[in-house]
PDB file of all heavy atoms in Angstrom:
ATOM      1  N   PHE A   1       5.744  -3.007 -13.922  1.00  0.00           N
ATOM      2  CA  PHE A   1       4.606  -2.757 -14.757  1.00  0.00           C
ATOM      3  C   PHE A   1       3.306  -3.466 -14.228  1.00  0.00           C
ATOM      4  O   PHE A   1       2.300  -2.792 -14.033  1.00  0.00           O
ATOM      5  CB  PHE A   1       4.845  -3.293 -16.198  1.00  0.00           C
ATOM      6  CG  PHE A   1       3.655  -3.191 -17.041  1.00  0.00           C
ATOM      7  CD1 PHE A   1       3.124  -2.024 -17.597  1.00  0.00           C
ATOM      8  CD2 PHE A   1       2.884  -4.426 -17.331  1.00  0.00           C
ATOM      9  CE1 PHE A   1       2.027  -2.063 -18.466  1.00  0.00           C
ATOM     10  CE2 PHE A   1       1.824  -4.357 -18.160  1.00  0.00           C
ATOM     11  CZ  PHE A   1       1.354  -3.176 -18.713  1.00  0.00           C
ATOM     12  N   TRP A   2       3.460  -4.748 -13.928  1.00  0.00           N
ATOM     13  CA  TRP A   2       2.281  -5.461 -13.450  1.00  0.00           C
ATOM     14  C   TRP A   2       1.904  -5.034 -12.006  1.00  0.00           C
ATOM     15  O   TRP A   2       0.659  -5.159 -11.692  1.00  0.00           O
ATOM     16  CB  TRP A   2       2.501  -7.019 -13.458  1.00  0.00           C
ATOM     17  CG  TRP A   2       2.539  -7.508 -14.877  1.00  0.00           C
ATOM     18  CD1 TRP A   2       3.623  -7.941 -15.597  1.00  0.00           C
ATOM     19  CD2 TRP A   2       1.407  -7.575 -15.819  1.00  0.00           C
ATOM     20  NE1 TRP A   2       3.247  -8.344 -16.851  1.00  0.00           N
ATOM     21  CE2 TRP A   2       1.802  -8.131 -16.992  1.00  0.00           C
ATOM     22  CE3 TRP A   2       0.029  -7.265 -15.680  1.00  0.00           C
ATOM     23  CZ2 TRP A   2       0.999  -8.402 -18.127  1.00  0.00           C
ATOM     24  CZ3 TRP A   2      -0.770  -7.498 -16.723  1.00  0.00           C
ATOM     25  CH2 TRP A   2      -0.315  -8.065 -17.964  1.00  0.00           C
ATOM     26  N   GLY A   3       2.891  -4.594 -11.266  1.00  0.00           N
ATOM     27  CA  GLY A   3       2.563  -4.121  -9.887  1.00  0.00           C
ATOM     28  C   GLY A   3       1.733  -2.821  -9.965  1.00  0.00           C
ATOM     29  O   GLY A   3       0.763  -2.636  -9.184  1.00  0.00           O
ATOM     30  N   ILE A   4       2.028  -1.969 -10.955  1.00  0.00           N
ATOM     31  CA  ILE A   4       1.205  -0.780 -11.131  1.00  0.00           C
ATOM     32  C   ILE A   4      -0.146  -1.091 -11.624  1.00  0.00           C
ATOM     33  O   ILE A   4      -1.140  -0.486 -11.234  1.00  0.00           O
ATOM     34  CB  ILE A   4       1.920   0.174 -12.121  1.00  0.00           C
ATOM     35  CG1 ILE A   4       3.267   0.735 -11.487  1.00  0.00           C
ATOM     36  CG2 ILE A   4       1.064   1.383 -12.482  1.00  0.00           C
ATOM     37  CD1 ILE A   4       4.147   1.482 -12.390  1.00  0.00           C
ATOM     38  N   MET A   5      -0.202  -2.028 -12.544  1.00  0.00           N
ATOM     39  CA  MET A   5      -1.539  -2.425 -13.114  1.00  0.00           C
ATOM     40  C   MET A   5      -2.426  -3.069 -11.990  1.00  0.00           C
ATOM     41  O   MET A   5      -3.616  -2.787 -11.968  1.00  0.00           O
ATOM     42  CB  MET A   5      -1.307  -3.525 -14.211  1.00  0.00           C
ATOM     43  CG  MET A   5      -0.546  -2.986 -15.444  1.00  0.00           C
ATOM     44  SD  MET A   5      -1.319  -1.579 -16.308  1.00  0.00           S
ATOM     45  CE  MET A   5      -2.674  -2.497 -17.054  1.00  0.00           C
ATOM     46  N   PHE A   6      -1.799  -3.765 -11.021  1.00  0.00           N
ATOM     47  CA  PHE A   6      -2.611  -4.454 -10.001  1.00  0.00           C
ATOM     48  C   PHE A   6      -2.546  -3.702  -8.667  1.00  0.00           C
ATOM     49  O   PHE A   6      -3.126  -4.255  -7.721  1.00  0.00           O
ATOM     50  CB  PHE A   6      -2.105  -5.906  -9.766  1.00  0.00           C
ATOM     51  CG  PHE A   6      -2.261  -6.770 -10.975  1.00  0.00           C
ATOM     52  CD1 PHE A   6      -1.327  -7.770 -11.227  1.00  0.00           C
ATOM     53  CD2 PHE A   6      -3.327  -6.663 -11.881  1.00  0.00           C
ATOM     54  CE1 PHE A   6      -1.474  -8.600 -12.424  1.00  0.00           C
ATOM     55  CE2 PHE A   6      -3.508  -7.409 -12.960  1.00  0.00           C
ATOM     56  CZ  PHE A   6      -2.589  -8.406 -13.229  1.00  0.00           C
ATOM     57  N   SER A   7      -1.901  -2.555  -8.626  1.00  0.00           N
ATOM     58  CA  SER A   7      -1.842  -1.802  -7.398  1.00  0.00           C
ATOM     59  C   SER A   7      -1.237  -2.610  -6.221  1.00  0.00           C
ATOM     60  O   SER A   7      -1.836  -2.745  -5.192  1.00  0.00           O
ATOM     61  CB  SER A   7      -3.182  -1.307  -6.992  1.00  0.00           C
ATOM     62  OG  SER A   7      -3.078  -0.458  -5.847  1.00  0.00           O
ATOM     63  N   SER A   8       0.022  -2.989  -6.414  1.00  0.00           N
ATOM     64  CA  SER A   8       0.775  -3.724  -5.336  1.00  0.00           C
ATOM     65  C   SER A   8       1.996  -3.039  -5.099  1.00  0.00           C
ATOM     66  O   SER A   8       2.904  -2.977  -6.018  1.00  0.00           O
ATOM     67  CB  SER A   8       0.935  -5.192  -5.741  1.00  0.00           C
ATOM     68  OG  SER A   8       1.646  -5.885  -4.780  1.00  0.00           O
ATOM     69  N   TYR A   9       2.280  -2.560  -3.836  1.00  0.00           N
ATOM     70  CA  TYR A   9       3.445  -1.828  -3.551  1.00  0.00           C
ATOM     71  C   TYR A   9       3.982  -2.393  -2.208  1.00  0.00           C
ATOM     72  O   TYR A   9       3.482  -2.001  -1.195  1.00  0.00           O
ATOM     73  CB  TYR A   9       3.277  -0.396  -3.435  1.00  0.00           C
ATOM     74  CG  TYR A   9       2.776   0.278  -4.686  1.00  0.00           C
ATOM     75  CD1 TYR A   9       1.380   0.319  -5.008  1.00  0.00           C
ATOM     76  CD2 TYR A   9       3.561   0.776  -5.729  1.00  0.00           C
ATOM     77  CE1 TYR A   9       0.832   0.790  -6.157  1.00  0.00           C
ATOM     78  CE2 TYR A   9       3.073   1.349  -6.872  1.00  0.00           C
ATOM     79  CZ  TYR A   9       1.708   1.363  -7.131  1.00  0.00           C
ATOM     80  OH  TYR A   9       1.183   1.871  -8.277  1.00  0.00           O
ATOM     81  N   PHE A  10       4.940  -3.302  -2.267  1.00  0.00           N
ATOM     82  CA  PHE A  10       5.387  -4.065  -1.068  1.00  0.00           C
ATOM     83  C   PHE A  10       4.120  -4.700  -0.438  1.00  0.00           C
ATOM     84  O   PHE A  10       3.849  -4.595   0.736  1.00  0.00           O
ATOM     85  CB  PHE A  10       6.041  -3.183  -0.075  1.00  0.00           C
ATOM     86  CG  PHE A  10       7.489  -2.803  -0.469  1.00  0.00           C
ATOM     87  CD1 PHE A  10       7.865  -1.491  -0.346  1.00  0.00           C
ATOM     88  CD2 PHE A  10       8.394  -3.754  -0.971  1.00  0.00           C
ATOM     89  CE1 PHE A  10       9.139  -1.088  -0.711  1.00  0.00           C
ATOM     90  CE2 PHE A  10       9.636  -3.401  -1.338  1.00  0.00           C
ATOM     91  CZ  PHE A  10      10.065  -2.012  -1.199  1.00  0.00           C
ATOM     92  N   GLY A  11       3.317  -5.427  -1.276  1.00  0.00           N
ATOM     93  CA  GLY A  11       2.012  -5.976  -0.702  1.00  0.00           C
ATOM     94  C   GLY A  11       1.063  -4.871  -0.483  1.00  0.00           C
ATOM     95  O   GLY A  11       0.816  -3.956  -1.360  1.00  0.00           O
ATOM     96  N   ASN A  12       0.505  -4.871   0.720  1.00  0.00           N
ATOM     97  CA  ASN A  12      -0.358  -3.736   1.061  1.00  0.00           C
ATOM     98  C   ASN A  12       0.194  -2.863   2.103  1.00  0.00           C
ATOM     99  O   ASN A  12      -0.409  -2.316   3.008  1.00  0.00           O
ATOM    100  CB  ASN A  12      -1.722  -4.341   1.623  1.00  0.00           C
ATOM    101  CG  ASN A  12      -1.518  -5.150   2.916  1.00  0.00           C
ATOM    102  OD1 ASN A  12      -0.396  -5.577   3.171  1.00  0.00           O
ATOM    103  ND2 ASN A  12      -2.548  -5.441   3.645  1.00  0.00           N
ATOM    104  N   ALA A  13       1.550  -2.688   1.986  1.00  0.00           N
ATOM    105  CA  ALA A  13       2.308  -1.961   3.065  1.00  0.00           C
ATOM    106  C   ALA A  13       1.840  -0.514   3.114  1.00  0.00           C
ATOM    107  O   ALA A  13       1.790   0.146   4.115  1.00  0.00           O
ATOM    108  CB  ALA A  13       3.824  -1.996   2.687  1.00  0.00           C
ATOM    109  N   VAL A  14       1.473   0.086   1.904  1.00  0.00           N
ATOM    110  CA  VAL A  14       1.085   1.539   1.917  1.00  0.00           C
ATOM    111  C   VAL A  14      -0.176   1.699   2.721  1.00  0.00           C
ATOM    112  O   VAL A  14      -0.300   2.637   3.565  1.00  0.00           O
ATOM    113  CB  VAL A  14       0.870   1.972   0.498  1.00  0.00           C
ATOM    114  CG1 VAL A  14       0.292   3.406   0.460  1.00  0.00           C
ATOM    115  CG2 VAL A  14       2.134   1.887  -0.360  1.00  0.00           C
ATOM    116  N   ASP A  15      -1.156   0.824   2.577  1.00  0.00           N
ATOM    117  CA  ASP A  15      -2.420   0.837   3.307  1.00  0.00           C
ATOM    118  C   ASP A  15      -2.206   0.758   4.765  1.00  0.00           C
ATOM    119  O   ASP A  15      -2.754   1.486   5.620  1.00  0.00           O
ATOM    120  CB  ASP A  15      -3.429  -0.159   2.779  1.00  0.00           C
ATOM    121  CG  ASP A  15      -3.853   0.017   1.411  1.00  0.00           C
ATOM    122  OD1 ASP A  15      -3.573   1.184   0.882  1.00  0.00           O
ATOM    123  OD2 ASP A  15      -4.372  -0.879   0.732  1.00  0.00           O
ATOM    124  N   VAL A  16      -1.332  -0.311   5.106  1.00  0.00           N
ATOM    125  CA  VAL A  16      -1.139  -0.582   6.547  1.00  0.00           C
ATOM    126  C   VAL A  16      -0.418   0.583   7.205  1.00  0.00           C
ATOM    127  O   VAL A  16      -0.737   1.000   8.327  1.00  0.00           O
ATOM    128  CB  VAL A  16      -0.302  -1.872   6.700  1.00  0.00           C
ATOM    129  CG1 VAL A  16       0.105  -2.122   8.200  1.00  0.00           C
ATOM    130  CG2 VAL A  16      -1.140  -3.064   6.179  1.00  0.00           C
ATOM    131  N   ILE A  17       0.610   1.079   6.540  1.00  0.00           N
ATOM    132  CA  ILE A  17       1.390   2.185   7.232  1.00  0.00           C
ATOM    133  C   ILE A  17       0.566   3.452   7.398  1.00  0.00           C
ATOM    134  O   ILE A  17       0.587   4.118   8.406  1.00  0.00           O
ATOM    135  CB  ILE A  17       2.714   2.477   6.423  1.00  0.00           C
ATOM    136  CG1 ILE A  17       3.642   1.342   6.420  1.00  0.00           C
ATOM    137  CG2 ILE A  17       3.365   3.815   6.823  1.00  0.00           C
ATOM    138  CD1 ILE A  17       4.832   1.469   5.495  1.00  0.00           C
ATOM    139  N   ALA A  18      -0.320   3.651   6.383  1.00  0.00           N
ATOM    140  CA  ALA A  18      -1.121   4.918   6.452  1.00  0.00           C
ATOM    141  C   ALA A  18      -2.184   4.740   7.575  1.00  0.00           C
ATOM    142  O   ALA A  18      -2.345   5.797   8.312  1.00  0.00           O
ATOM    143  CB  ALA A  18      -1.763   5.093   5.142  1.00  0.00           C
ATOM    144  N   SER A  19      -2.758   3.661   7.695  1.00  0.00           N
ATOM    145  CA  SER A  19      -3.761   3.442   8.711  1.00  0.00           C
ATOM    146  C   SER A  19      -3.246   3.352  10.134  1.00  0.00           C
ATOM    147  O   SER A  19      -3.758   3.877  11.107  1.00  0.00           O
ATOM    148  CB  SER A  19      -4.626   2.171   8.447  1.00  0.00           C
ATOM    149  OG  SER A  19      -3.818   1.046   8.445  1.00  0.00           O
ATOM    150  N   VAL A  20      -2.035   2.656  10.290  1.00  0.00           N
ATOM    151  CA  VAL A  20      -1.529   2.413  11.628  1.00  0.00           C
ATOM    152  C   VAL A  20      -0.749   3.671  12.119  1.00  0.00           C
ATOM    153  O   VAL A  20      -0.919   4.024  13.336  1.00  0.00           O
ATOM    154  CB  VAL A  20      -0.540   1.180  11.637  1.00  0.00           C
ATOM    155  CG1 VAL A  20       0.217   1.037  12.966  1.00  0.00           C
ATOM    156  CG2 VAL A  20      -1.294  -0.082  11.325  1.00  0.00           C
ATOM    157  N   PHE A  21       0.056   4.239  11.385  1.00  0.00           N
ATOM    158  CA  PHE A  21       0.901   5.350  11.833  1.00  0.00           C
ATOM    159  C   PHE A  21       0.321   6.720  11.595  1.00  0.00           C
ATOM    160  O   PHE A  21       0.695   7.709  12.287  1.00  0.00           O
ATOM    161  CB  PHE A  21       2.287   5.309  11.144  1.00  0.00           C
ATOM    162  CG  PHE A  21       3.065   4.103  11.550  1.00  0.00           C
ATOM    163  CD1 PHE A  21       3.084   2.971  10.680  1.00  0.00           C
ATOM    164  CD2 PHE A  21       3.766   4.070  12.738  1.00  0.00           C
ATOM    165  CE1 PHE A  21       3.805   1.836  11.077  1.00  0.00           C
ATOM    166  CE2 PHE A  21       4.599   2.935  13.022  1.00  0.00           C
ATOM    167  CZ  PHE A  21       4.554   1.755  12.210  1.00  0.00           C
ATOM    168  N   PHE A  22      -0.618   6.850  10.620  1.00  0.00           N
ATOM    169  CA  PHE A  22      -1.174   8.186  10.288  1.00  0.00           C
ATOM    170  C   PHE A  22      -2.695   8.296  10.434  1.00  0.00           C
ATOM    171  O   PHE A  22      -3.243   9.354  10.298  1.00  0.00           O
ATOM    172  CB  PHE A  22      -0.770   8.563   8.876  1.00  0.00           C
ATOM    173  CG  PHE A  22       0.768   8.622   8.719  1.00  0.00           C
ATOM    174  CD1 PHE A  22       1.442   7.616   8.038  1.00  0.00           C
ATOM    175  CD2 PHE A  22       1.475   9.670   9.174  1.00  0.00           C
ATOM    176  CE1 PHE A  22       2.771   7.629   7.827  1.00  0.00           C
ATOM    177  CE2 PHE A  22       2.860   9.748   8.973  1.00  0.00           C
ATOM    178  CZ  PHE A  22       3.514   8.685   8.340  1.00  0.00           C
ATOM    179  N   GLY A  23      -3.225   7.173  10.749  1.00  0.00           N
ATOM    180  CA  GLY A  23      -4.715   7.148  11.001  1.00  0.00           C
ATOM    181  C   GLY A  23      -5.564   7.565   9.784  1.00  0.00           C
ATOM    182  O   GLY A  23      -6.589   8.176   9.983  1.00  0.00           O
ATOM    183  N   THR A  24      -5.069   7.273   8.604  1.00  0.00           N
ATOM    184  CA  THR A  24      -5.747   7.653   7.356  1.00  0.00           C
ATOM    185  C   THR A  24      -5.739   6.538   6.360  1.00  0.00           C
ATOM    186  O   THR A  24      -5.034   5.510   6.600  1.00  0.00           O
ATOM    187  CB  THR A  24      -5.116   8.945   6.807  1.00  0.00           C
ATOM    188  OG1 THR A  24      -5.951   9.371   5.721  1.00  0.00           O
ATOM    189  CG2 THR A  24      -3.694   8.756   6.387  1.00  0.00           C
TER     190      THR A  24
END
């Protein structure tokens, strides 16, 4: 619940994976 409220999904793994592997 608190992870959704604060936008934390394995830390900032979603942002890093998207920018490094998909360039977006």
